[in-house]
Amino acid sequence: TLVDVVGVVAGLKRLGIERVYSSAVPAGAGMVRSEHGVLP
């Protein structure tokens, strides 16, 4: 998790990115199994 977060933030900085934009986030569907149990 630490590698992902810092890697993306620092990587964008290395690319000289000043602003970030994004499309809508896909919700997905169904269920997923986690350490807390089955989650929606």
PDB file of all heavy atoms in Angstrom:
ATOM      1  N   THR A   1       0.830  -1.206   0.000  1.00  0.00           N
ATOM      2  CA  THR A   1       0.000   0.000   0.000  1.00  0.00           C
ATOM      3  C   THR A   1       0.864   1.255   0.000  1.00  0.00           C
ATOM      4  O   THR A   1       0.604   2.212  -0.736  1.00  0.00           O
ATOM      5  CB  THR A   1      -0.942   0.005   1.214  1.00  0.00           C
ATOM      6  OG1 THR A   1      -1.727  -1.184   1.208  1.00  0.00           O
ATOM      7  CG2 THR A   1      -1.858   1.214   1.184  1.00  0.00           C
ATOM      8  N   LEU A   2       1.903   1.267   0.804  1.00  0.00           N
ATOM      9  CA  LEU A   2       2.809   2.412   0.860  1.00  0.00           C
ATOM     10  C   LEU A   2       3.515   2.619  -0.473  1.00  0.00           C
ATOM     11  O   LEU A   2       3.654   3.753  -0.949  1.00  0.00           O
ATOM     12  CB  LEU A   2       3.830   2.201   1.979  1.00  0.00           C
ATOM     13  CG  LEU A   2       4.781   3.361   2.283  1.00  0.00           C
ATOM     14  CD1 LEU A   2       4.021   4.587   2.763  1.00  0.00           C
ATOM     15  CD2 LEU A   2       5.810   2.934   3.326  1.00  0.00           C
ATOM     16  N   VAL A   3       3.962   1.527  -1.077  1.00  0.00           N
ATOM     17  CA  VAL A   3       4.639   1.601  -2.377  1.00  0.00           C
ATOM     18  C   VAL A   3       3.703   2.166  -3.439  1.00  0.00           C
ATOM     19  O   VAL A   3       4.092   3.032  -4.237  1.00  0.00           O
ATOM     20  CB  VAL A   3       5.151   0.206  -2.784  1.00  0.00           C
ATOM     21  CG1 VAL A   3       5.594   0.190  -4.248  1.00  0.00           C
ATOM     22  CG2 VAL A   3       6.312  -0.217  -1.886  1.00  0.00           C
ATOM     23  N   ASP A   4       2.464   1.690  -3.464  1.00  0.00           N
ATOM     24  CA  ASP A   4       1.510   2.172  -4.463  1.00  0.00           C
ATOM     25  C   ASP A   4       1.261   3.666  -4.318  1.00  0.00           C
ATOM     26  O   ASP A   4       1.318   4.422  -5.295  1.00  0.00           O
ATOM     27  CB  ASP A   4       0.182   1.420  -4.326  1.00  0.00           C
ATOM     28  CG  ASP A   4       0.246   0.003  -4.856  1.00  0.00           C
ATOM     29  OD1 ASP A   4       1.198  -0.320  -5.588  1.00  0.00           O
ATOM     30  OD2 ASP A   4      -0.667  -0.785  -4.535  1.00  0.00           O
ATOM     31  N   VAL A   5       0.962   4.090  -3.099  1.00  0.00           N
ATOM     32  CA  VAL A   5       0.591   5.492  -2.887  1.00  0.00           C
ATOM     33  C   VAL A   5       1.759   6.429  -3.185  1.00  0.00           C
ATOM     34  O   VAL A   5       1.641   7.362  -3.989  1.00  0.00           O
ATOM     35  CB  VAL A   5       0.086   5.699  -1.440  1.00  0.00           C
ATOM     36  CG1 VAL A   5      -0.115   7.193  -1.159  1.00  0.00           C
ATOM     37  CG2 VAL A   5      -1.208   4.938  -1.212  1.00  0.00           C
ATOM     38  N   VAL A   6       2.896   6.186  -2.562  1.00  0.00           N
ATOM     39  CA  VAL A   6       4.042   7.072  -2.762  1.00  0.00           C
ATOM     40  C   VAL A   6       4.574   6.949  -4.188  1.00  0.00           C
ATOM     41  O   VAL A   6       4.976   7.945  -4.800  1.00  0.00           O
ATOM     42  CB  VAL A   6       5.149   6.767  -1.729  1.00  0.00           C
ATOM     43  CG1 VAL A   6       6.389   7.623  -2.003  1.00  0.00           C
ATOM     44  CG2 VAL A   6       4.640   7.023  -0.320  1.00  0.00           C
ATOM     45  N   GLY A   7       4.558   5.736  -4.736  1.00  0.00           N
ATOM     46  CA  GLY A   7       5.031   5.538  -6.105  1.00  0.00           C
ATOM     47  C   GLY A   7       4.237   6.338  -7.116  1.00  0.00           C
ATOM     48  O   GLY A   7       4.803   6.968  -8.024  1.00  0.00           O
ATOM     49  N   VAL A   8       2.905   6.347  -6.982  1.00  0.00           N
ATOM     50  CA  VAL A   8       2.068   7.095  -7.931  1.00  0.00           C
ATOM     51  C   VAL A   8       2.258   8.603  -7.751  1.00  0.00           C
ATOM     52  O   VAL A   8       2.446   9.338  -8.724  1.00  0.00           O
ATOM     53  CB  VAL A   8       0.583   6.715  -7.758  1.00  0.00           C
ATOM     54  CG1 VAL A   8      -0.303   7.635  -8.608  1.00  0.00           C
ATOM     55  CG2 VAL A   8       0.353   5.266  -8.159  1.00  0.00           C
ATOM     56  N   VAL A   9       2.215   9.076  -6.503  1.00  0.00           N
ATOM     57  CA  VAL A   9       2.355  10.513  -6.258  1.00  0.00           C
ATOM     58  C   VAL A   9       3.713  11.020  -6.741  1.00  0.00           C
ATOM     59  O   VAL A   9       3.809  12.028  -7.455  1.00  0.00           O
ATOM     60  CB  VAL A   9       2.173  10.829  -4.763  1.00  0.00           C
ATOM     61  CG1 VAL A   9       2.472  12.301  -4.487  1.00  0.00           C
ATOM     62  CG2 VAL A   9       0.754  10.490  -4.313  1.00  0.00           C
ATOM     63  N   ALA A  10       4.779  10.316  -6.364  1.00  0.00           N
ATOM     64  CA  ALA A  10       6.126  10.737  -6.769  1.00  0.00           C
ATOM     65  C   ALA A  10       6.334  10.546  -8.267  1.00  0.00           C
ATOM     66  O   ALA A  10       7.037  11.338  -8.912  1.00  0.00           O
ATOM     67  CB  ALA A  10       7.174   9.957  -5.983  1.00  0.00           C
ATOM     68  N   GLY A  11       5.738   9.495  -8.833  1.00  0.00           N
ATOM     69  CA  GLY A  11       5.870   9.254 -10.267  1.00  0.00           C
ATOM     70  C   GLY A  11       5.245  10.358 -11.094  1.00  0.00           C
ATOM     71  O   GLY A  11       5.814  10.796 -12.109  1.00  0.00           O
ATOM     72  N   LEU A  12       4.075  10.823 -10.698  1.00  0.00           N
ATOM     73  CA  LEU A  12       3.442  11.944 -11.400  1.00  0.00           C
ATOM     74  C   LEU A  12       4.314  13.191 -11.315  1.00  0.00           C
ATOM     75  O   LEU A  12       4.429  13.963 -12.270  1.00  0.00           O
ATOM     76  CB  LEU A  12       2.064  12.215 -10.810  1.00  0.00           C
ATOM     77  CG  LEU A  12       0.982  11.166 -11.119  1.00  0.00           C
ATOM     78  CD1 LEU A  12      -0.234  11.389 -10.233  1.00  0.00           C
ATOM     79  CD2 LEU A  12       0.582  11.209 -12.587  1.00  0.00           C
ATOM     80  N   LYS A  13       4.932  13.390 -10.144  1.00  0.00           N
ATOM     81  CA  LYS A  13       5.834  14.534  -9.973  1.00  0.00           C
ATOM     82  C   LYS A  13       7.030  14.417 -10.909  1.00  0.00           C
ATOM     83  O   LYS A  13       7.446  15.399 -11.532  1.00  0.00           O
ATOM     84  CB  LYS A  13       6.298  14.583  -8.517  1.00  0.00           C
ATOM     85  CG  LYS A  13       7.162  15.785  -8.165  1.00  0.00           C
ATOM     86  CD  LYS A  13       6.330  17.041  -8.041  1.00  0.00           C
ATOM     87  CE  LYS A  13       7.163  18.202  -7.510  1.00  0.00           C
ATOM     88  NZ  LYS A  13       6.371  19.443  -7.379  1.00  0.00           N
ATOM     89  N   ARG A  14       7.590  13.219 -11.035  1.00  0.00           N
ATOM     90  CA  ARG A  14       8.732  12.998 -11.927  1.00  0.00           C
ATOM     91  C   ARG A  14       8.367  13.282 -13.384  1.00  0.00           C
ATOM     92  O   ARG A  14       9.217  13.708 -14.178  1.00  0.00           O
ATOM     93  CB  ARG A  14       9.219  11.558 -11.805  1.00  0.00           C
ATOM     94  CG  ARG A  14      10.020  11.274 -10.546  1.00  0.00           C
ATOM     95  CD  ARG A  14      11.496  11.169 -10.875  1.00  0.00           C
ATOM     96  NE  ARG A  14      12.303  10.841  -9.719  1.00  0.00           N
ATOM     97  CZ  ARG A  14      13.578  10.502  -9.797  1.00  0.00           C
ATOM     98  NH1 ARG A  14      14.191  10.435 -10.982  1.00  0.00           N
ATOM     99  NH2 ARG A  14      14.275  10.228  -8.709  1.00  0.00           N
ATOM    100  N   LEU A  15       7.117  13.032 -13.744  1.00  0.00           N
ATOM    101  CA  LEU A  15       6.664  13.283 -15.114  1.00  0.00           C
ATOM    102  C   LEU A  15       6.327  14.749 -15.356  1.00  0.00           C
ATOM    103  O   LEU A  15       5.945  15.131 -16.459  1.00  0.00           O
ATOM    104  CB  LEU A  15       5.444  12.418 -15.431  1.00  0.00           C
ATOM    105  CG  LEU A  15       5.709  10.918 -15.612  1.00  0.00           C
ATOM    106  CD1 LEU A  15       4.388  10.156 -15.671  1.00  0.00           C
ATOM    107  CD2 LEU A  15       6.530  10.650 -16.863  1.00  0.00           C
ATOM    108  N   GLY A  16       6.451  15.555 -14.321  1.00  0.00           N
ATOM    109  CA  GLY A  16       6.179  16.982 -14.463  1.00  0.00           C
ATOM    110  C   GLY A  16       4.705  17.322 -14.501  1.00  0.00           C
ATOM    111  O   GLY A  16       4.314  18.379 -15.026  1.00  0.00           O
ATOM    112  N   ILE A  17       3.866  16.455 -13.927  1.00  0.00           N
ATOM    113  CA  ILE A  17       2.423  16.664 -13.962  1.00  0.00           C
ATOM    114  C   ILE A  17       2.011  17.707 -12.927  1.00  0.00           C
ATOM    115  O   ILE A  17       2.335  17.596 -11.741  1.00  0.00           O
ATOM    116  CB  ILE A  17       1.671  15.340 -13.716  1.00  0.00           C
ATOM    117  CG1 ILE A  17       2.049  14.317 -14.787  1.00  0.00           C
ATOM    118  CG2 ILE A  17       0.169  15.569 -13.676  1.00  0.00           C
ATOM    119  CD1 ILE A  17       1.777  14.758 -16.210  1.00  0.00           C
ATOM    120  N   GLU A  18       1.270  18.720 -13.381  1.00  0.00           N
ATOM    121  CA  GLU A  18       0.796  19.774 -12.487  1.00  0.00           C
ATOM    122  C   GLU A  18      -0.650  19.577 -12.067  1.00  0.00           C
ATOM    123  O   GLU A  18      -1.059  20.014 -10.993  1.00  0.00           O
ATOM    124  CB  GLU A  18       0.939  21.133 -13.179  1.00  0.00           C
ATOM    125  CG  GLU A  18       2.364  21.486 -13.558  1.00  0.00           C
ATOM    126  CD  GLU A  18       2.432  22.737 -14.413  1.00  0.00           C
ATOM    127  OE1 GLU A  18       2.442  23.842 -13.824  1.00  0.00           O
ATOM    128  OE2 GLU A  18       2.431  22.619 -15.653  1.00  0.00           O
ATOM    129  N   ARG A  19      -1.464  18.964 -12.934  1.00  0.00           N
ATOM    130  CA  ARG A  19      -2.864  18.704 -12.616  1.00  0.00           C
ATOM    131  C   ARG A  19      -3.225  17.290 -13.040  1.00  0.00           C
ATOM    132  O   ARG A  19      -2.747  16.797 -14.056  1.00  0.00           O
ATOM    133  CB  ARG A  19      -3.789  19.691 -13.346  1.00  0.00           C
ATOM    134  CG  ARG A  19      -3.677  21.122 -12.880  1.00  0.00           C
ATOM    135  CD  ARG A  19      -4.157  21.324 -11.451  1.00  0.00           C
ATOM    136  NE  ARG A  19      -5.537  20.901 -11.254  1.00  0.00           N
ATOM    137  CZ  ARG A  19      -6.593  21.686 -11.471  1.00  0.00           C
ATOM    138  NH1 ARG A  19      -6.420  22.932 -11.888  1.00  0.00           N
ATOM    139  NH2 ARG A  19      -7.810  21.247 -11.244  1.00  0.00           N
ATOM    140  N   VAL A  20      -4.114  16.659 -12.259  1.00  0.00           N
ATOM    141  CA  VAL A  20      -4.563  15.300 -12.554  1.00  0.00           C
ATOM    142  C   VAL A  20      -6.076  15.311 -12.713  1.00  0.00           C
ATOM    143  O   VAL A  20      -6.797  15.920 -11.903  1.00  0.00           O
ATOM    144  CB  VAL A  20      -4.169  14.316 -11.432  1.00  0.00           C
ATOM    145  CG1 VAL A  20      -4.666  12.902 -11.750  1.00  0.00           C
ATOM    146  CG2 VAL A  20      -2.654  14.315 -11.241  1.00  0.00           C
ATOM    147  N   TYR A  21      -6.551  14.647 -13.756  1.00  0.00           N
ATOM    148  CA  TYR A  21      -7.982  14.505 -14.004  1.00  0.00           C
ATOM    149  C   TYR A  21      -8.303  13.014 -14.120  1.00  0.00           C
ATOM    150  O   TYR A  21      -7.425  12.191 -14.375  1.00  0.00           O
ATOM    151  CB  TYR A  21      -8.383  15.233 -15.295  1.00  0.00           C
ATOM    152  CG  TYR A  21      -8.125  16.720 -15.242  1.00  0.00           C
ATOM    153  CD1 TYR A  21      -6.877  17.233 -15.590  1.00  0.00           C
ATOM    154  CD2 TYR A  21      -9.117  17.601 -14.829  1.00  0.00           C
ATOM    155  CE1 TYR A  21      -6.632  18.602 -15.526  1.00  0.00           C
ATOM    156  CE2 TYR A  21      -8.877  18.971 -14.765  1.00  0.00           C
ATOM    157  CZ  TYR A  21      -7.638  19.463 -15.116  1.00  0.00           C
ATOM    158  OH  TYR A  21      -7.403  20.805 -15.039  1.00  0.00           O
ATOM    159  N   SER A  22      -9.572  12.689 -13.940  1.00  0.00           N
ATOM    160  CA  SER A  22      -9.959  11.281 -14.005  1.00  0.00           C
ATOM    161  C   SER A  22     -11.381  11.149 -14.515  1.00  0.00           C
ATOM    162  O   SER A  22     -12.220  12.046 -14.326  1.00  0.00           O
ATOM    163  CB  SER A  22      -9.848  10.627 -12.621  1.00  0.00           C
ATOM    164  OG  SER A  22     -10.288   9.278 -12.656  1.00  0.00           O
ATOM    165  N   SER A  23     -11.655   9.996 -15.142  1.00  0.00           N
ATOM    166  CA  SER A  23     -13.015   9.635 -15.482  1.00  0.00           C
ATOM    167  C   SER A  23     -13.738   9.168 -14.224  1.00  0.00           C
ATOM    168  O   SER A  23     -13.141   9.057 -13.152  1.00  0.00           O
ATOM    169  CB  SER A  23     -13.010   8.516 -16.530  1.00  0.00           C
ATOM    170  OG  SER A  23     -12.502   7.316 -15.957  1.00  0.00           O
ATOM    171  N   ALA A  24     -15.021   8.868 -14.354  1.00  0.00           N
ATOM    172  CA  ALA A  24     -15.773   8.312 -13.230  1.00  0.00           C
ATOM    173  C   ALA A  24     -15.182   6.960 -12.838  1.00  0.00           C
ATOM    174  O   ALA A  24     -14.594   6.253 -13.664  1.00  0.00           O
ATOM    175  CB  ALA A  24     -17.242   8.163 -13.613  1.00  0.00           C
ATOM    176  N   VAL A  25     -15.328   6.607 -11.582  1.00  0.00           N
ATOM    177  CA  VAL A  25     -14.767   5.360 -11.056  1.00  0.00           C
ATOM    178  C   VAL A  25     -15.770   4.222 -11.258  1.00  0.00           C
ATOM    179  O   VAL A  25     -16.921   4.325 -10.819  1.00  0.00           O
ATOM    180  CB  VAL A  25     -14.435   5.505  -9.558  1.00  0.00           C
ATOM    181  CG1 VAL A  25     -13.937   4.179  -8.984  1.00  0.00           C
ATOM    182  CG2 VAL A  25     -13.397   6.600  -9.346  1.00  0.00           C
ATOM    183  N   PRO A  26     -15.372   3.126 -11.935  1.00  0.00           N
ATOM    184  CA  PRO A  26     -16.290   2.000 -12.116  1.00  0.00           C
ATOM    185  C   PRO A  26     -16.641   1.351 -10.776  1.00  0.00           C
ATOM    186  O   PRO A  26     -15.761   1.080  -9.959  1.00  0.00           O
ATOM    187  CB  PRO A  26     -15.489   1.028 -12.996  1.00  0.00           C
ATOM    188  CG  PRO A  26     -14.419   1.856 -13.628  1.00  0.00           C
ATOM    189  CD  PRO A  26     -14.094   2.914 -12.624  1.00  0.00           C
ATOM    190  N   ALA A  27     -17.927   1.109 -10.571  1.00  0.00           N
ATOM    191  CA  ALA A  27     -18.370   0.537  -9.307  1.00  0.00           C
ATOM    192  C   ALA A  27     -18.064  -0.953  -9.207  1.00  0.00           C
ATOM    193  O   ALA A  27     -17.852  -1.469  -8.107  1.00  0.00           O
ATOM    194  CB  ALA A  27     -19.874   0.761  -9.135  1.00  0.00           C
ATOM    195  N   GLY A  28     -18.028  -1.661 -10.343  1.00  0.00           N
ATOM    196  CA  GLY A  28     -17.905  -3.109 -10.289  1.00  0.00           C
ATOM    197  C   GLY A  28     -19.243  -3.717  -9.890  1.00  0.00           C
ATOM    198  O   GLY A  28     -20.258  -3.025  -9.774  1.00  0.00           O
ATOM    199  N   ALA A  29     -19.250  -5.019  -9.660  1.00  0.00           N
ATOM    200  CA  ALA A  29     -20.495  -5.696  -9.309  1.00  0.00           C
ATOM    201  C   ALA A  29     -20.198  -7.033  -8.650  1.00  0.00           C
ATOM    202  O   ALA A  29     -19.118  -7.598  -8.832  1.00  0.00           O
ATOM    203  CB  ALA A  29     -21.354  -5.914 -10.566  1.00  0.00           C
ATOM    204  N   GLY A  30     -21.146  -7.515  -7.867  1.00  0.00           N
ATOM    205  CA  GLY A  30     -21.012  -8.826  -7.254  1.00  0.00           C
ATOM    206  C   GLY A  30     -20.503  -8.756  -5.830  1.00  0.00           C
ATOM    207  O   GLY A  30     -20.796  -7.811  -5.091  1.00  0.00           O
ATOM    208  N   MET A  31     -19.715  -9.759  -5.450  1.00  0.00           N
ATOM    209  CA  MET A  31     -19.193  -9.877  -4.101  1.00  0.00           C
ATOM    210  C   MET A  31     -17.690 -10.115  -4.148  1.00  0.00           C
ATOM    211  O   MET A  31     -17.155 -10.579  -5.162  1.00  0.00           O
ATOM    212  CB  MET A  31     -19.864 -11.046  -3.352  1.00  0.00           C
ATOM    213  CG  MET A  31     -21.371 -10.938  -3.248  1.00  0.00           C
ATOM    214  SD  MET A  31     -21.874  -9.645  -2.093  1.00  0.00           S
ATOM    215  CE  MET A  31     -23.650  -9.576  -2.459  1.00  0.00           C
ATOM    216  N   VAL A  32     -17.004  -9.800  -3.048  1.00  0.00           N
ATOM    217  CA  VAL A  32     -15.575 -10.053  -2.945  1.00  0.00           C
ATOM    218  C   VAL A  32     -15.287 -10.636  -1.569  1.00  0.00           C
ATOM    219  O   VAL A  32     -15.900 -10.236  -0.575  1.00  0.00           O
ATOM    220  CB  VAL A  32     -14.757  -8.758  -3.172  1.00  0.00           C
ATOM    221  CG1 VAL A  32     -15.070  -7.708  -2.112  1.00  0.00           C
ATOM    222  CG2 VAL A  32     -13.263  -9.052  -3.196  1.00  0.00           C
ATOM    223  N   ARG A  33     -14.384 -11.617  -1.503  1.00  0.00           N
ATOM    224  CA  ARG A  33     -14.027 -12.218  -0.229  1.00  0.00           C
ATOM    225  C   ARG A  33     -12.846 -11.457   0.369  1.00  0.00           C
ATOM    226  O   ARG A  33     -11.860 -11.200  -0.301  1.00  0.00           O
ATOM    227  CB  ARG A  33     -13.666 -13.694  -0.425  1.00  0.00           C
ATOM    228  CG  ARG A  33     -13.437 -14.448   0.901  1.00  0.00           C
ATOM    229  CD  ARG A  33     -13.270 -15.939   0.651  1.00  0.00           C
ATOM    230  NE  ARG A  33     -14.460 -16.519   0.069  1.00  0.00           N
ATOM    231  CZ  ARG A  33     -15.532 -16.873   0.769  1.00  0.00           C
ATOM    232  NH1 ARG A  33     -15.563 -16.680   2.077  1.00  0.00           N
ATOM    233  NH2 ARG A  33     -16.578 -17.396   0.175  1.00  0.00           N
ATOM    234  N   SER A  34     -12.950 -11.093   1.638  1.00  0.00           N
ATOM    235  CA  SER A  34     -11.904 -10.349   2.323  1.00  0.00           C
ATOM    236  C   SER A  34     -11.645 -10.986   3.676  1.00  0.00           C
ATOM    237  O   SER A  34     -12.313 -11.946   4.078  1.00  0.00           O
ATOM    238  CB  SER A  34     -12.330  -8.887   2.508  1.00  0.00           C
ATOM    239  OG  SER A  34     -13.279  -8.781   3.554  1.00  0.00           O
ATOM    240  N   GLU A  35     -10.684 -10.412   4.414  1.00  0.00           N
ATOM    241  CA  GLU A  35     -10.405 -10.913   5.757  1.00  0.00           C
ATOM    242  C   GLU A  35     -11.542 -10.608   6.724  1.00  0.00           C
ATOM    243  O   GLU A  35     -11.618 -11.177   7.805  1.00  0.00           O
ATOM    244  CB  GLU A  35      -9.084 -10.323   6.273  1.00  0.00           C
ATOM    245  CG  GLU A  35      -7.874 -10.825   5.503  1.00  0.00           C
ATOM    246  CD  GLU A  35      -6.570 -10.374   6.128  1.00  0.00           C
ATOM    247  OE1 GLU A  35      -6.614  -9.808   7.235  1.00  0.00           O
ATOM    248  OE2 GLU A  35      -5.522 -10.594   5.516  1.00  0.00           O
ATOM    249  N   HIS A  36     -12.424  -9.682   6.335  1.00  0.00           N
ATOM    250  CA  HIS A  36     -13.598  -9.392   7.152  1.00  0.00           C
ATOM    251  C   HIS A  36     -14.756 -10.339   6.820  1.00  0.00           C
ATOM    252  O   HIS A  36     -15.778 -10.319   7.499  1.00  0.00           O
ATOM    253  CB  HIS A  36     -14.063  -7.953   6.919  1.00  0.00           C
ATOM    254  CG  HIS A  36     -13.058  -6.923   7.328  1.00  0.00           C
ATOM    255  ND1 HIS A  36     -12.754  -6.639   8.642  1.00  0.00           N
ATOM    256  CD2 HIS A  36     -12.267  -6.105   6.583  1.00  0.00           C
ATOM    257  CE1 HIS A  36     -11.837  -5.680   8.697  1.00  0.00           C
ATOM    258  NE2 HIS A  36     -11.528  -5.349   7.462  1.00  0.00           N
ATOM    259  N   GLY A  37     -14.604 -11.138   5.757  1.00  0.00           N
ATOM    260  CA  GLY A  37     -15.684 -11.980   5.274  1.00  0.00           C
ATOM    261  C   GLY A  37     -16.078 -11.566   3.863  1.00  0.00           C
ATOM    262  O   GLY A  37     -15.357 -10.821   3.190  1.00  0.00           O
ATOM    263  N   VAL A  38     -17.223 -12.017   3.404  1.00  0.00           N
ATOM    264  CA  VAL A  38     -17.714 -11.673   2.067  1.00  0.00           C
ATOM    265  C   VAL A  38     -18.316 -10.275   2.108  1.00  0.00           C
ATOM    266  O   VAL A  38     -19.164  -9.963   2.960  1.00  0.00           O
ATOM    267  CB  VAL A  38     -18.755 -12.694   1.587  1.00  0.00           C
ATOM    268  CG1 VAL A  38     -19.311 -12.282   0.231  1.00  0.00           C
ATOM    269  CG2 VAL A  38     -18.126 -14.079   1.505  1.00  0.00           C
ATOM    270  N   LEU A  39     -17.874  -9.417   1.186  1.00  0.00           N
ATOM    271  CA  LEU A  39     -18.333  -8.034   1.135  1.00  0.00           C
ATOM    272  C   LEU A  39     -18.976  -7.734  -0.212  1.00  0.00           C
ATOM    273  O   LEU A  39     -18.590  -8.315  -1.236  1.00  0.00           O
ATOM    274  CB  LEU A  39     -17.160  -7.073   1.341  1.00  0.00           C
ATOM    275  CG  LEU A  39     -16.415  -7.141   2.673  1.00  0.00           C
ATOM    276  CD1 LEU A  39     -15.191  -6.229   2.634  1.00  0.00           C
ATOM    277  CD2 LEU A  39     -17.338  -6.755   3.814  1.00  0.00           C
ATOM    278  N   PRO A  40     -19.920  -6.799  -0.245  1.00  0.00           N
ATOM    279  CA  PRO A  40     -20.481  -6.371  -1.526  1.00  0.00           C
ATOM    280  C   PRO A  40     -19.475  -5.511  -2.277  1.00  0.00           C
ATOM    281  O   PRO A  40     -18.578  -4.912  -1.685  1.00  0.00           O
ATOM    282  CB  PRO A  40     -21.714  -5.559  -1.121  1.00  0.00           C
ATOM    283  CG  PRO A  40     -21.353  -5.005   0.231  1.00  0.00           C
ATOM    284  CD  PRO A  40     -20.537  -6.092   0.899  1.00  0.00           C
TER     285      PRO A  40
END
